[in-house]
Amino acid sequence: MSTIILVDDQPIANFITRKLLEIEGYNEDVIDFTNPEEALIYLEDKQNTLIFLDLNMPEMNGWEFLDYLKSKSQEHRIIILTSSTSTIDQNRAKEYDSVIKYVEKPLNKDKFKKLQPFLQQQ
């Protein structure tokens, strides 16, 4: 299994996602970042990583993160995990080939189970 990256400025959100991954047996190779710029540095030489990405972050928002990856031709699989219920954001997410799923917070066991097919592509 390849590495799973969690990018959310709220440590509790990363904690919840990590715990759900552990419960489902994905407890190895999970790295979380509260600073998206640090995540981008980590991802510089990586491809096809599964990333859980928040949209609303102070240093760099999720859209800027996605645009940066696109500008560097880095291909990753992104699950947007956000508190935004906006249809504008949901539609905008569809403009990115790398976004494979849009999930509204809070992540729970039921929502997580629906992500199983995406996790099995690891």
N, C-alpha and C. Protein backbone atom coordinates (compact mmCIF):
# COMPACT_ATOMS: atom_id res chain seq x y z
N MET A 1 0.84 -1.17 0.00
CA MET A 1 0.00 0.00 0.00
C MET A 1 0.89 1.24 0.00
N SER A 2 0.52 2.25 -0.76
CA SER A 2 1.29 3.48 -0.78
C SER A 2 0.84 4.41 0.35
N THR A 3 1.54 5.48 0.51
CA THR A 3 1.28 6.42 1.58
C THR A 3 -0.04 7.16 1.38
N ILE A 4 -0.72 7.42 2.48
CA ILE A 4 -1.91 8.26 2.48
C ILE A 4 -1.54 9.55 3.20
N ILE A 5 -1.85 10.67 2.58
CA ILE A 5 -1.51 11.97 3.15
C ILE A 5 -2.80 12.67 3.60
N LEU A 6 -2.76 13.23 4.80
CA LEU A 6 -3.88 14.01 5.33
C LEU A 6 -3.43 15.46 5.41
N VAL A 7 -4.21 16.36 4.78
CA VAL A 7 -3.86 17.78 4.79
C VAL A 7 -5.06 18.58 5.30
N ASP A 8 -4.96 19.01 6.54
CA ASP A 8 -6.03 19.79 7.17
C ASP A 8 -5.38 20.62 8.27
N ASP A 9 -5.72 21.90 8.32
CA ASP A 9 -5.11 22.79 9.31
C ASP A 9 -5.60 22.50 10.73
N GLN A 10 -6.66 21.70 10.86
CA GLN A 10 -7.20 21.36 12.18
C GLN A 10 -6.68 19.98 12.59
N PRO A 11 -5.81 19.92 13.59
CA PRO A 11 -5.26 18.64 14.02
C PRO A 11 -6.34 17.60 14.37
N ILE A 12 -7.45 18.03 14.93
CA ILE A 12 -8.50 17.08 15.31
C ILE A 12 -9.10 16.40 14.08
N ALA A 13 -9.21 17.12 12.98
CA ALA A 13 -9.73 16.53 11.73
C ALA A 13 -8.78 15.45 11.23
N ASN A 14 -7.48 15.73 11.26
CA ASN A 14 -6.49 14.72 10.86
C ASN A 14 -6.53 13.53 11.81
N PHE A 15 -6.71 13.79 13.09
CA PHE A 15 -6.79 12.72 14.08
C PHE A 15 -7.97 11.79 13.80
N ILE A 16 -9.13 12.37 13.52
CA ILE A 16 -10.33 11.57 13.24
C ILE A 16 -10.13 10.73 11.98
N THR A 17 -9.60 11.33 10.94
CA THR A 17 -9.36 10.60 9.69
C THR A 17 -8.37 9.47 9.92
N ARG A 18 -7.30 9.77 10.64
CA ARG A 18 -6.28 8.74 10.94
C ARG A 18 -6.90 7.59 11.71
N LYS A 19 -7.70 7.89 12.71
CA LYS A 19 -8.33 6.84 13.52
C LYS A 19 -9.26 5.97 12.67
N LEU A 20 -10.04 6.59 11.80
CA LEU A 20 -10.92 5.81 10.93
C LEU A 20 -10.10 4.92 9.99
N LEU A 21 -8.99 5.44 9.50
CA LEU A 21 -8.10 4.63 8.67
C LEU A 21 -7.56 3.44 9.46
N GLU A 22 -7.14 3.70 10.69
CA GLU A 22 -6.61 2.62 11.54
C GLU A 22 -7.67 1.55 11.81
N ILE A 23 -8.88 1.99 12.11
CA ILE A 23 -9.97 1.04 12.39
C ILE A 23 -10.20 0.12 11.19
N GLU A 24 -10.04 0.68 9.99
CA GLU A 24 -10.25 -0.11 8.77
C GLU A 24 -8.98 -0.82 8.30
N GLY A 25 -7.91 -0.74 9.08
CA GLY A 25 -6.70 -1.48 8.76
C GLY A 25 -5.69 -0.72 7.91
N TYR A 26 -5.86 0.57 7.75
CA TYR A 26 -4.92 1.38 6.97
C TYR A 26 -4.03 2.19 7.91
N ASN A 27 -3.36 1.50 8.83
CA ASN A 27 -2.61 2.20 9.86
C ASN A 27 -1.15 2.44 9.53
N GLU A 28 -0.68 1.96 8.42
CA GLU A 28 0.71 2.20 8.05
C GLU A 28 0.77 3.24 6.95
N ASP A 29 1.86 3.98 6.94
CA ASP A 29 2.09 4.96 5.88
C ASP A 29 0.99 6.02 5.79
N VAL A 30 0.53 6.52 6.93
CA VAL A 30 -0.39 7.64 6.97
C VAL A 30 0.37 8.82 7.58
N ILE A 31 0.50 9.88 6.80
CA ILE A 31 1.24 11.06 7.25
C ILE A 31 0.29 12.25 7.21
N ASP A 32 0.24 13.01 8.32
CA ASP A 32 -0.66 14.15 8.31
C ASP A 32 0.12 15.46 8.41
N PHE A 33 -0.47 16.47 7.79
CA PHE A 33 0.10 17.81 7.76
C PHE A 33 -0.98 18.81 8.14
N THR A 34 -0.62 19.76 8.99
CA THR A 34 -1.53 20.87 9.29
C THR A 34 -1.16 22.10 8.46
N ASN A 35 -0.02 22.03 7.80
CA ASN A 35 0.42 23.11 6.92
C ASN A 35 0.50 22.55 5.49
N PRO A 36 -0.36 23.04 4.59
CA PRO A 36 -0.36 22.49 3.23
C PRO A 36 0.95 22.70 2.48
N GLU A 37 1.68 23.76 2.79
CA GLU A 37 2.95 24.00 2.11
C GLU A 37 3.97 22.91 2.48
N GLU A 38 3.94 22.46 3.72
CA GLU A 38 4.82 21.37 4.13
C GLU A 38 4.44 20.07 3.41
N ALA A 39 3.14 19.88 3.22
CA ALA A 39 2.69 18.69 2.48
C ALA A 39 3.20 18.73 1.04
N LEU A 40 3.18 19.91 0.42
CA LEU A 40 3.66 20.03 -0.96
C LEU A 40 5.15 19.73 -1.05
N ILE A 41 5.91 20.17 -0.06
CA ILE A 41 7.34 19.86 -0.04
C ILE A 41 7.53 18.35 0.03
N TYR A 42 6.78 17.69 0.90
CA TYR A 42 6.87 16.24 1.03
C TYR A 42 6.52 15.55 -0.29
N LEU A 43 5.53 16.09 -1.00
CA LEU A 43 5.03 15.46 -2.23
C LEU A 43 5.87 15.75 -3.47
N GLU A 44 6.89 16.59 -3.35
CA GLU A 44 7.66 17.02 -4.53
C GLU A 44 8.12 15.87 -5.42
N ASP A 45 8.58 14.79 -4.83
CA ASP A 45 9.12 13.68 -5.64
C ASP A 45 8.20 12.47 -5.62
N LYS A 46 6.94 12.69 -5.32
CA LYS A 46 5.98 11.58 -5.25
C LYS A 46 4.94 11.70 -6.35
N GLN A 47 4.35 10.58 -6.72
CA GLN A 47 3.26 10.54 -7.69
C GLN A 47 2.22 9.55 -7.19
N ASN A 48 0.99 9.76 -7.61
CA ASN A 48 -0.12 8.84 -7.35
C ASN A 48 -0.32 8.52 -5.86
N THR A 49 -0.21 9.54 -5.05
CA THR A 49 -0.47 9.41 -3.62
C THR A 49 -1.93 9.73 -3.37
N LEU A 50 -2.54 9.04 -2.42
CA LEU A 50 -3.91 9.34 -2.03
C LEU A 50 -3.85 10.44 -0.97
N ILE A 51 -4.58 11.54 -1.21
CA ILE A 51 -4.54 12.70 -0.33
C ILE A 51 -5.96 13.05 0.11
N PHE A 52 -6.14 13.18 1.42
CA PHE A 52 -7.36 13.75 1.98
C PHE A 52 -7.07 15.24 2.17
N LEU A 53 -7.84 16.10 1.51
CA LEU A 53 -7.52 17.53 1.47
C LEU A 53 -8.68 18.38 1.94
N ASP A 54 -8.40 19.26 2.90
CA ASP A 54 -9.37 20.26 3.34
C ASP A 54 -9.32 21.43 2.36
N LEU A 55 -10.41 22.15 2.22
CA LEU A 55 -10.43 23.31 1.33
C LEU A 55 -10.13 24.61 2.07
N ASN A 56 -10.65 24.76 3.27
CA ASN A 56 -10.54 26.03 3.99
C ASN A 56 -9.41 25.99 4.99
N MET A 57 -8.25 26.50 4.55
CA MET A 57 -7.06 26.55 5.39
C MET A 57 -6.45 27.94 5.26
N PRO A 58 -5.85 28.45 6.34
CA PRO A 58 -5.35 29.84 6.31
C PRO A 58 -4.10 30.08 5.47
N GLU A 59 -3.12 29.19 5.52
CA GLU A 59 -1.86 29.46 4.81
C GLU A 59 -2.04 29.36 3.29
N MET A 60 -2.74 28.34 2.90
CA MET A 60 -2.96 28.03 1.49
C MET A 60 -4.25 27.22 1.45
N ASN A 61 -5.22 27.66 0.68
CA ASN A 61 -6.46 26.89 0.66
C ASN A 61 -6.33 25.67 -0.26
N GLY A 62 -7.32 24.81 -0.20
CA GLY A 62 -7.27 23.58 -0.98
C GLY A 62 -7.21 23.81 -2.48
N TRP A 63 -7.87 24.88 -2.94
CA TRP A 63 -7.84 25.18 -4.39
C TRP A 63 -6.44 25.56 -4.82
N GLU A 64 -5.75 26.35 -4.01
CA GLU A 64 -4.37 26.72 -4.32
C GLU A 64 -3.47 25.49 -4.30
N PHE A 65 -3.72 24.60 -3.37
CA PHE A 65 -2.99 23.34 -3.27
C PHE A 65 -3.17 22.53 -4.55
N LEU A 66 -4.41 22.39 -4.98
CA LEU A 66 -4.72 21.63 -6.20
C LEU A 66 -4.08 22.30 -7.42
N ASP A 67 -4.16 23.62 -7.49
CA ASP A 67 -3.56 24.34 -8.62
C ASP A 67 -2.04 24.16 -8.65
N TYR A 68 -1.42 24.15 -7.48
CA TYR A 68 0.03 23.95 -7.43
C TYR A 68 0.40 22.56 -7.96
N LEU A 69 -0.32 21.54 -7.49
CA LEU A 69 -0.04 20.18 -7.98
C LEU A 69 -0.21 20.10 -9.49
N LYS A 70 -1.27 20.74 -9.98
CA LYS A 70 -1.54 20.73 -11.42
C LYS A 70 -0.43 21.43 -12.19
N SER A 71 0.06 22.55 -11.66
CA SER A 71 1.12 23.31 -12.34
C SER A 71 2.43 22.52 -12.41
N LYS A 72 2.63 21.62 -11.46
CA LYS A 72 3.84 20.80 -11.42
C LYS A 72 3.63 19.45 -12.10
N SER A 73 2.46 19.26 -12.70
CA SER A 73 2.10 17.99 -13.36
C SER A 73 2.23 16.80 -12.42
N GLN A 74 1.94 17.04 -11.16
CA GLN A 74 1.95 15.94 -10.19
C GLN A 74 0.58 15.29 -10.19
N GLU A 75 0.56 14.01 -10.38
CA GLU A 75 -0.69 13.28 -10.43
C GLU A 75 -0.89 12.52 -9.13
N HIS A 76 -1.91 12.93 -8.41
CA HIS A 76 -2.29 12.29 -7.16
C HIS A 76 -3.79 12.06 -7.20
N ARG A 77 -4.26 11.27 -6.26
CA ARG A 77 -5.70 11.05 -6.14
C ARG A 77 -6.17 11.79 -4.89
N ILE A 78 -7.09 12.72 -5.07
CA ILE A 78 -7.49 13.61 -3.99
C ILE A 78 -8.93 13.33 -3.57
N ILE A 79 -9.10 13.16 -2.27
CA ILE A 79 -10.43 13.14 -1.68
C ILE A 79 -10.57 14.44 -0.92
N ILE A 80 -11.45 15.31 -1.39
CA ILE A 80 -11.68 16.55 -0.67
C ILE A 80 -12.54 16.24 0.54
N LEU A 81 -12.06 16.65 1.69
CA LEU A 81 -12.75 16.45 2.96
C LEU A 81 -12.93 17.83 3.57
N THR A 82 -14.15 18.36 3.48
CA THR A 82 -14.36 19.76 3.81
C THR A 82 -15.67 20.00 4.54
N SER A 83 -15.74 21.12 5.22
CA SER A 83 -16.99 21.52 5.86
C SER A 83 -17.89 22.28 4.89
N SER A 84 -17.39 22.58 3.71
CA SER A 84 -18.17 23.31 2.72
C SER A 84 -19.27 22.44 2.12
N THR A 85 -20.49 22.94 2.21
CA THR A 85 -21.63 22.27 1.59
C THR A 85 -22.05 22.98 0.31
N SER A 86 -21.24 23.90 -0.13
CA SER A 86 -21.53 24.73 -1.29
C SER A 86 -21.53 23.91 -2.59
N THR A 87 -22.59 24.05 -3.37
CA THR A 87 -22.61 23.38 -4.68
C THR A 87 -21.58 24.01 -5.61
N ILE A 88 -21.23 25.26 -5.36
CA ILE A 88 -20.18 25.90 -6.16
C ILE A 88 -18.86 25.16 -5.94
N ASP A 89 -18.53 24.87 -4.68
CA ASP A 89 -17.30 24.12 -4.39
C ASP A 89 -17.38 22.70 -4.95
N GLN A 90 -18.53 22.05 -4.82
CA GLN A 90 -18.68 20.69 -5.34
C GLN A 90 -18.48 20.67 -6.85
N ASN A 91 -19.04 21.65 -7.54
CA ASN A 91 -18.87 21.71 -9.00
C ASN A 91 -17.44 22.08 -9.37
N ARG A 92 -16.84 22.97 -8.62
CA ARG A 92 -15.45 23.36 -8.90
C ARG A 92 -14.52 22.15 -8.75
N ALA A 93 -14.79 21.32 -7.76
CA ALA A 93 -13.97 20.13 -7.54
C ALA A 93 -13.96 19.22 -8.76
N LYS A 94 -15.07 19.19 -9.47
CA LYS A 94 -15.18 18.34 -10.67
C LYS A 94 -14.27 18.81 -11.80
N GLU A 95 -13.78 20.04 -11.71
CA GLU A 95 -12.88 20.59 -12.74
C GLU A 95 -11.46 20.03 -12.61
N TYR A 96 -11.18 19.35 -11.52
CA TYR A 96 -9.85 18.78 -11.29
C TYR A 96 -9.90 17.28 -11.50
N ASP A 97 -9.14 16.80 -12.48
CA ASP A 97 -9.09 15.37 -12.76
C ASP A 97 -8.60 14.56 -11.55
N SER A 98 -7.78 15.18 -10.73
CA SER A 98 -7.20 14.46 -9.59
C SER A 98 -8.20 14.25 -8.45
N VAL A 99 -9.28 15.02 -8.42
CA VAL A 99 -10.27 14.88 -7.35
C VAL A 99 -11.17 13.70 -7.67
N ILE A 100 -11.11 12.69 -6.80
CA ILE A 100 -11.88 11.48 -7.04
C ILE A 100 -13.14 11.41 -6.18
N LYS A 101 -13.21 12.26 -5.16
CA LYS A 101 -14.38 12.24 -4.28
C LYS A 101 -14.45 13.55 -3.49
N TYR A 102 -15.67 13.99 -3.23
CA TYR A 102 -15.93 15.19 -2.42
C TYR A 102 -16.75 14.74 -1.23
N VAL A 103 -16.22 14.91 -0.01
CA VAL A 103 -16.88 14.43 1.20
C VAL A 103 -17.03 15.60 2.17
N GLU A 104 -18.22 15.73 2.72
CA GLU A 104 -18.46 16.78 3.70
C GLU A 104 -18.13 16.28 5.10
N LYS A 105 -17.47 17.15 5.88
CA LYS A 105 -17.18 16.85 7.28
C LYS A 105 -18.47 16.93 8.07
N PRO A 106 -18.55 16.24 9.18
CA PRO A 106 -17.49 15.42 9.76
C PRO A 106 -17.46 14.04 9.12
N LEU A 107 -16.26 13.53 9.01
CA LEU A 107 -16.09 12.16 8.51
C LEU A 107 -16.51 11.21 9.62
N ASN A 108 -17.31 10.23 9.27
CA ASN A 108 -17.75 9.23 10.25
C ASN A 108 -17.63 7.85 9.61
N LYS A 109 -17.99 6.82 10.36
CA LYS A 109 -17.83 5.45 9.85
C LYS A 109 -18.65 5.21 8.59
N ASP A 110 -19.88 5.73 8.53
CA ASP A 110 -20.71 5.52 7.35
C ASP A 110 -20.11 6.17 6.10
N LYS A 111 -19.68 7.41 6.23
CA LYS A 111 -19.05 8.10 5.10
C LYS A 111 -17.75 7.41 4.72
N PHE A 112 -17.01 6.98 5.75
CA PHE A 112 -15.74 6.33 5.49
C PHE A 112 -15.92 5.03 4.73
N LYS A 113 -16.94 4.26 5.07
CA LYS A 113 -17.19 2.99 4.37
C LYS A 113 -17.42 3.22 2.88
N LYS A 114 -18.03 4.35 2.52
CA LYS A 114 -18.26 4.67 1.10
C LYS A 114 -16.96 5.00 0.38
N LEU A 115 -15.91 5.27 1.14
CA LEU A 115 -14.60 5.56 0.53
C LEU A 115 -13.77 4.30 0.30
N GLN A 116 -14.22 3.17 0.78
CA GLN A 116 -13.48 1.91 0.66
C GLN A 116 -12.97 1.63 -0.76
N PRO A 117 -13.82 1.79 -1.79
CA PRO A 117 -13.32 1.49 -3.14
C PRO A 117 -12.12 2.37 -3.53
N PHE A 118 -12.09 3.59 -3.05
CA PHE A 118 -10.98 4.50 -3.38
C PHE A 118 -9.71 4.12 -2.61
N LEU A 119 -9.89 3.62 -1.39
CA LEU A 119 -8.76 3.20 -0.59
C LEU A 119 -8.15 1.91 -1.11
N GLN A 120 -9.00 1.05 -1.68
CA GLN A 120 -8.52 -0.23 -2.21
C GLN A 120 -7.73 -0.06 -3.49
N GLN A 121 -7.79 1.11 -4.10
CA GLN A 121 -7.01 1.38 -5.31
C GLN A 121 -5.57 1.69 -4.99
N GLN A 122 -5.24 1.69 -3.72
CA GLN A 122 -3.90 2.02 -3.26
C GLN A 122 -2.86 1.21 -3.96
